[in-house]
Amino acid sequence: MSKAEQYLQDFLNYLRIERNLARNTQQAYLDDLADFWKFMATTKIQSPGKIDHKHLTEYARDLKQRKMAETSVARHFSSLRAYYKFLVMEGYLEQDPTQFLDSPKLPSSLPKILNIEDIELLLCAINTETPLGLRDRAMFELMYAGGMRVSEVCSLSIEQLLMDDDLILVRGKGNKERIVPLGGEAKRWLIEYLEHGRPGLRKGYYNEGIVFLNNRGKPLQRKGIWFILKQLAEKAGLKKAVSPHTFRHSFATHLLEGGADLRIVQEMLGHVDISTTQIYTHLDSSYLKEVHSSFHPRARKS
C-alpha cells in the first residue's frame, strides 16, 4: 500500500470512528478527494506532500471550466481542507497547502418555509381512507411536529416511539440520539396508522420494525417521500416549492415565532452548534419586519 493510499485509509477511519459521520457523508468526502486526485493524475503528482497552492489554483480553474456549481466547488474545497487538516494533525505533513485556498462566496439564503395555512392545506389533501393515506398523514404530521430529517423518518423504528410519554427517540446524524415531543395531532394519526394502516402494508416482509412502509411492505425510502410530497403539493394546489426539509424549517420557524427559546429549538433539531440554529432567528426577524411593514401606519415611506 502506498503512502497516499494509507493516508486515505487513515482519513476514512478518522471520519468513521472519531467524527462518527454517516456513511453517505464519508462517501461524499471520498468522492471529492477522488475527483481531486483524478485531476492531479494529469500532472503525474500522486503524493499529498507535493501539492502546493499552484496545484490547488489549477484545480479550482478546472472545476470552473467544468461549470461546476459554486456550492459543489465549495464542498470539494471543504473536503480537501478536512483531509489536509487531518494529515497535519496526525503529523504526516508539516504544511497545509489548503490554508490559503479561497472558497467561492455563496449567496446567503434563508430556508424556505410553509406558513400554518400551507401546512393545513397539505395535510388535509391526504386521503386517509386508505392504509397509504394513513401512513402519509401520520408521517407528515410527525415531520412537522418533531422537525425530523427525512433520513430520520425513513429509519424510524417502532421501539423509538415512546408513546406513553408522548416522546420520540430520534437517531440523527452520526447515530446521535435526541428526544423530541410527540404532539397531540401527530400522536393521534400515528396511532391510527399503526392500528389500521401499517398492518395492511406489512405483507409478510421482514422490515426490522420500521414504522413507515411502502406499498410493497418494505421500508419507505427518501426518494419515495419526495415523490409523495410532490404529488401532494400539486393536489393541494400549493404553488410554493416544497421538500421534506421544508417541514423541518417550518417546525423551527414556527416555534421561534411562538416564543420558544433558541437553545430548546437547537436541542430538538439536533444541531451541535447553535450557530446552525440561528439562521431561523434571521428568518424570524424577516417575518417580523414583513409584518411591521404591512401593518404599521408609519412603516412605509410616502
Protein backbone atom coordinates (compact mmCIF):
# COMPACT_ATOMS: atom_id res chain seq x y z
CA MET A 1 0.00 0.00 0.00
CA SER A 2 1.42 3.41 -1.00
CA LYS A 3 1.65 6.32 1.44
CA ALA A 4 -1.19 8.12 -0.36
CA GLU A 5 -3.43 5.05 -0.03
CA GLN A 6 -2.51 4.64 3.63
CA TYR A 7 -3.25 8.31 4.31
CA LEU A 8 -6.64 7.98 2.66
CA GLN A 9 -7.49 4.86 4.63
CA ASP A 10 -6.47 6.55 7.89
CA PHE A 11 -8.59 9.59 6.97
CA LEU A 12 -11.59 7.35 6.31
CA ASN A 13 -11.12 5.67 9.71
CA TYR A 14 -10.95 9.11 11.29
CA LEU A 15 -14.24 10.14 9.66
CA ARG A 16 -15.91 6.88 10.65
CA ILE A 17 -14.60 6.37 14.19
CA GLU A 18 -13.61 9.73 15.64
CA ARG A 19 -16.05 12.01 13.86
CA ASN A 20 -18.75 9.33 13.68
CA LEU A 21 -20.01 10.63 10.33
CA ALA A 22 -22.80 8.93 8.42
CA ARG A 23 -21.83 6.57 5.61
CA ASN A 24 -23.19 8.92 2.95
CA THR A 25 -21.10 11.79 4.33
CA GLN A 26 -17.96 9.64 4.38
CA GLN A 27 -18.61 8.69 0.76
CA ALA A 28 -19.03 12.35 -0.21
CA TYR A 29 -15.57 13.13 1.20
CA LEU A 30 -14.05 10.19 -0.70
CA ASP A 31 -15.77 11.17 -3.96
CA ASP A 32 -14.45 14.73 -3.70
CA LEU A 33 -10.91 13.54 -2.99
CA ALA A 34 -11.09 11.02 -5.84
CA ASP A 35 -12.04 13.85 -8.19
CA PHE A 36 -9.05 15.88 -7.00
CA TRP A 37 -6.57 13.03 -7.47
CA LYS A 38 -8.03 12.24 -10.88
CA PHE A 39 -7.19 15.80 -11.90
CA MET A 40 -3.73 15.61 -10.30
CA ALA A 41 -3.00 12.42 -12.26
CA THR A 42 -2.69 14.62 -15.36
CA THR A 43 0.27 16.32 -13.66
CA LYS A 44 1.73 12.95 -12.58
CA ILE A 45 1.72 14.06 -8.94
CA GLN A 46 0.20 11.46 -6.63
CA SER A 47 1.79 12.38 -3.30
CA PRO A 48 -0.20 14.61 -0.88
CA GLY A 49 3.07 16.13 0.32
CA LYS A 50 3.94 17.50 -3.11
CA ILE A 51 0.76 19.51 -3.56
CA ASP A 52 1.17 23.28 -3.31
CA HIS A 53 -1.03 26.34 -3.76
CA LYS A 54 -0.32 26.45 -7.51
CA HIS A 55 -1.80 22.94 -7.96
CA LEU A 56 -4.88 23.91 -5.97
CA THR A 57 -5.35 27.03 -8.09
CA GLU A 58 -5.14 24.91 -11.25
CA TYR A 59 -7.71 22.50 -9.80
CA ALA A 60 -10.02 25.41 -8.96
CA ARG A 61 -9.70 26.62 -12.55
CA ASP A 62 -10.54 23.12 -13.81
CA LEU A 63 -13.70 22.99 -11.66
CA LYS A 64 -14.75 26.36 -13.08
CA GLN A 65 -14.14 25.19 -16.67
CA ARG A 66 -16.37 22.20 -15.95
CA LYS A 67 -19.08 24.74 -14.99
CA MET A 68 -19.50 23.14 -11.61
CA ALA A 69 -21.95 24.90 -9.32
CA GLU A 70 -20.34 27.14 -6.72
CA THR A 71 -21.94 25.13 -3.93
CA SER A 72 -20.27 21.98 -5.30
CA VAL A 73 -16.92 23.78 -5.64
CA ALA A 74 -17.20 24.91 -2.02
CA ARG A 75 -17.91 21.34 -0.93
CA HIS A 76 -14.87 19.99 -2.85
CA PHE A 77 -12.66 22.59 -1.18
CA SER A 78 -14.12 21.77 2.22
CA SER A 79 -13.26 18.08 1.71
CA LEU A 80 -9.69 18.96 0.73
CA ARG A 81 -9.30 21.19 3.78
CA ALA A 82 -10.55 18.46 6.10
CA TYR A 83 -8.18 15.94 4.53
CA TYR A 84 -5.08 18.13 4.82
CA LYS A 85 -6.01 19.31 8.30
CA PHE A 86 -6.10 15.63 9.30
CA LEU A 87 -2.70 14.93 7.71
CA VAL A 88 -1.09 17.83 9.59
CA MET A 89 -2.86 16.90 12.82
CA GLU A 90 -1.51 13.34 12.59
CA GLY A 91 2.00 14.56 11.78
CA TYR A 92 2.03 13.08 8.27
CA LEU A 93 2.68 16.56 6.80
CA GLU A 94 4.16 19.75 8.21
CA GLN A 95 2.37 22.25 5.95
CA ASP A 96 -1.25 22.54 4.91
CA PRO A 97 -1.43 23.80 1.30
CA THR A 98 -5.17 24.46 1.60
CA GLN A 99 -4.87 27.13 4.31
CA PHE A 100 -4.92 29.94 1.74
CA LEU A 101 -7.45 28.27 -0.56
CA ASP A 102 -10.39 30.64 -1.10
CA SER A 103 -13.82 29.11 -1.45
CA PRO A 104 -16.35 30.84 -3.71
CA LYS A 105 -18.56 33.28 -1.86
CA LEU A 106 -22.01 31.77 -1.70
CA PRO A 107 -25.11 33.93 -1.51
CA SER A 108 -26.69 33.70 1.93
CA SER A 109 -30.16 32.26 1.55
CA LEU A 110 -32.80 31.68 4.17
CA PRO A 111 -34.55 28.31 4.17
CA LYS A 112 -37.94 28.09 2.52
CA ILE A 113 -40.84 27.59 4.90
CA LEU A 114 -44.56 26.97 4.80
CA ASN A 115 -46.98 29.02 6.83
CA ILE A 116 -49.54 27.30 9.05
CA GLU A 117 -52.25 27.60 6.37
CA ASP A 118 -49.97 25.87 3.83
CA ILE A 119 -49.31 23.03 6.27
CA GLU A 120 -53.06 22.60 6.80
CA LEU A 121 -53.67 22.57 3.04
CA LEU A 122 -51.12 19.82 2.53
CA LEU A 123 -52.27 17.65 5.41
CA CYS A 124 -55.96 17.97 4.56
CA ALA A 125 -55.28 16.97 0.94
CA ILE A 126 -54.34 13.44 2.08
CA ASN A 127 -57.00 10.77 1.62
CA THR A 128 -56.93 8.97 4.96
CA GLU A 129 -59.39 6.29 3.87
CA THR A 130 -56.52 4.03 2.71
CA PRO A 131 -53.50 2.49 4.50
CA LEU A 132 -51.16 4.60 2.36
CA GLY A 133 -53.12 7.73 3.18
CA LEU A 134 -52.97 6.98 6.89
CA ARG A 135 -49.23 6.46 6.54
CA ASP A 136 -48.75 9.77 4.74
CA ARG A 137 -50.85 11.73 7.24
CA ALA A 138 -49.00 10.21 10.21
CA MET A 139 -45.63 10.73 8.54
CA PHE A 140 -46.04 14.39 7.62
CA GLU A 141 -47.73 15.20 10.94
CA LEU A 142 -44.69 13.69 12.62
CA MET A 143 -42.21 15.58 10.47
CA TYR A 144 -43.90 18.87 11.27
CA ALA A 145 -44.40 18.07 14.95
CA GLY A 146 -40.83 16.93 15.58
CA GLY A 147 -38.68 18.69 12.97
CA MET A 148 -37.25 15.35 11.87
CA ARG A 149 -34.92 14.92 8.90
CA VAL A 150 -36.19 12.73 6.08
CA SER A 151 -33.44 10.17 6.78
CA GLU A 152 -34.57 10.02 10.42
CA VAL A 153 -38.14 9.36 9.33
CA CYS A 154 -37.06 6.58 6.95
CA SER A 155 -35.10 4.75 9.66
CA LEU A 156 -37.62 5.33 12.47
CA SER A 157 -38.46 2.06 14.25
CA ILE A 158 -41.40 1.22 16.50
CA GLU A 159 -39.09 0.87 19.52
CA GLN A 160 -38.22 4.58 19.15
CA LEU A 161 -41.84 5.58 19.70
CA LEU A 162 -42.25 6.36 23.40
CA MET A 163 -46.00 6.73 23.09
CA ASP A 164 -46.82 6.59 26.81
CA ASP A 165 -44.54 9.57 27.40
CA ASP A 166 -45.58 11.45 24.21
CA LEU A 167 -41.96 11.40 23.02
CA ILE A 168 -39.86 10.05 20.17
CA LEU A 169 -36.26 8.88 20.44
CA VAL A 170 -34.68 10.19 17.25
CA ARG A 171 -31.38 8.84 15.92
CA GLY A 172 -29.79 11.59 13.89
CA LYS A 173 -26.51 12.26 12.12
CA GLY A 174 -23.61 10.19 13.39
CA ASN A 175 -26.17 7.99 15.20
CA LYS A 176 -26.57 10.68 17.87
CA GLU A 177 -29.78 10.39 19.84
CA ARG A 178 -32.17 13.11 20.93
CA ILE A 179 -35.66 13.26 22.36
CA VAL A 180 -38.43 15.22 20.63
CA PRO A 181 -42.01 15.71 21.84
CA LEU A 182 -44.86 13.92 20.07
CA GLY A 183 -47.65 16.45 19.58
CA GLY A 184 -51.30 15.60 20.04
CA GLU A 185 -52.26 15.54 16.35
CA ALA A 186 -49.13 13.61 15.38
CA LYS A 187 -49.81 11.04 18.12
CA ARG A 188 -53.42 10.67 17.05
CA TRP A 189 -52.54 9.96 13.42
CA LEU A 190 -49.60 7.77 14.33
CA ILE A 191 -51.85 5.53 16.46
CA GLU A 192 -54.41 5.44 13.64
CA TYR A 193 -51.72 4.40 11.16
CA LEU A 194 -50.14 1.77 13.42
CA GLU A 195 -53.51 0.19 14.18
CA HIS A 196 -55.30 0.48 10.83
CA GLY A 197 -52.71 1.32 8.16
CA ARG A 198 -49.40 -0.40 8.80
CA PRO A 199 -50.83 -3.93 9.29
CA GLY A 200 -52.19 -3.76 5.73
CA LEU A 201 -48.78 -2.78 4.36
CA ARG A 202 -46.59 -5.36 6.11
CA LYS A 203 -47.22 -8.18 3.59
CA GLY A 204 -45.02 -10.65 5.43
CA TYR A 205 -41.72 -8.90 4.75
CA TYR A 206 -39.06 -8.71 7.44
CA ASN A 207 -38.80 -4.96 7.91
CA GLU A 208 -36.98 -4.69 11.25
CA GLY A 209 -39.90 -2.91 12.90
CA ILE A 210 -39.57 0.14 10.63
CA VAL A 211 -42.57 2.42 11.13
CA PHE A 212 -43.20 3.74 7.62
CA LEU A 213 -43.55 1.11 4.88
CA ASN A 214 -44.13 1.39 1.14
CA ASN A 215 -46.90 -0.37 -0.78
CA ARG A 216 -44.67 -3.45 -1.13
CA GLY A 217 -44.22 -3.78 2.61
CA LYS A 218 -40.63 -2.59 2.61
CA PRO A 219 -39.17 0.45 4.42
CA LEU A 220 -40.09 3.70 2.71
CA GLN A 221 -37.10 5.44 1.10
CA ARG A 222 -36.30 9.15 1.00
CA LYS A 223 -36.95 9.32 -2.76
CA GLY A 224 -40.40 7.88 -2.11
CA ILE A 225 -41.15 10.60 0.43
CA TRP A 226 -40.01 13.31 -2.03
CA PHE A 227 -42.31 11.85 -4.70
CA ILE A 228 -45.30 11.59 -2.33
CA LEU A 229 -44.83 15.18 -1.18
CA LYS A 230 -44.53 16.49 -4.74
CA GLN A 231 -47.82 14.83 -5.70
CA LEU A 232 -49.47 16.06 -2.52
CA ALA A 233 -48.40 19.67 -3.14
CA GLU A 234 -49.89 19.50 -6.66
CA LYS A 235 -53.13 18.05 -5.28
CA ALA A 236 -53.34 20.78 -2.64
CA GLY A 237 -52.74 23.46 -5.30
CA LEU A 238 -49.66 24.71 -3.47
CA LYS A 239 -47.51 26.90 -5.73
CA LYS A 240 -44.51 27.04 -3.40
CA ALA A 241 -41.53 24.72 -3.78
CA VAL A 242 -41.86 22.04 -1.12
CA SER A 243 -39.40 19.39 0.07
CA PRO A 244 -39.32 17.12 3.15
CA HIS A 245 -36.82 19.52 4.70
CA THR A 246 -39.40 22.32 4.37
CA PHE A 247 -41.30 20.70 7.25
CA ARG A 248 -38.16 20.86 9.41
CA HIS A 249 -37.59 24.52 8.54
CA SER A 250 -41.23 25.33 9.21
CA PHE A 251 -41.15 23.48 12.54
CA ALA A 252 -38.19 25.55 13.77
CA THR A 253 -39.50 28.86 12.47
CA HIS A 254 -43.00 28.44 13.89
CA LEU A 255 -41.56 27.53 17.30
CA LEU A 256 -39.39 30.66 17.37
CA GLU A 257 -42.24 32.84 16.15
CA GLY A 258 -44.26 31.46 19.04
CA GLY A 259 -41.58 32.50 21.53
CA ALA A 260 -39.61 29.24 22.00
CA ASP A 261 -36.08 29.51 23.40
CA LEU A 262 -33.33 29.14 20.78
CA ARG A 263 -31.46 26.55 22.87
CA ILE A 264 -34.55 24.37 23.13
CA VAL A 265 -35.07 24.51 19.35
CA GLN A 266 -31.39 23.64 18.88
CA GLU A 267 -31.85 20.58 21.09
CA MET A 268 -34.96 19.42 19.24
CA LEU A 269 -33.33 19.87 15.83
CA GLY A 270 -30.20 18.01 16.92
CA HIS A 271 -27.83 20.82 15.94
CA VAL A 272 -24.38 20.51 17.51
CA ASP A 273 -23.59 24.20 17.01
CA ILE A 274 -26.15 26.84 17.93
CA SER A 275 -24.95 28.99 15.00
CA THR A 276 -26.69 26.47 12.72
CA THR A 277 -29.95 27.09 14.54
CA GLN A 278 -29.51 30.87 14.50
CA ILE A 279 -30.42 31.04 10.81
CA TYR A 280 -34.01 30.66 11.99
CA THR A 281 -33.70 33.79 14.12
CA HIS A 282 -32.80 35.66 10.93
CA LEU A 283 -35.86 34.14 9.31
CA ASP A 284 -37.94 35.18 12.31
CA SER A 285 -36.58 38.74 12.03
CA SER A 286 -37.53 38.82 8.34
CA TYR A 287 -41.03 37.74 9.27
CA LEU A 288 -41.30 40.42 11.95
CA LYS A 289 -40.11 43.11 9.52
CA GLU A 290 -42.62 41.90 6.95
CA VAL A 291 -45.45 42.15 9.49
CA HIS A 292 -44.26 45.58 10.62
CA SER A 293 -44.05 46.81 7.05
CA SER A 294 -47.53 45.52 6.25
CA PHE A 295 -49.41 46.80 9.27
CA HIS A 296 -47.58 49.69 10.95
CA PRO A 297 -49.06 53.03 9.79
CA ARG A 298 -45.67 54.74 9.53
CA ALA A 299 -43.59 51.82 8.28
CA ARG A 300 -43.72 52.85 4.63
CA LYS A 301 -42.16 55.98 3.20
CA SER A 302 -44.52 58.33 1.43
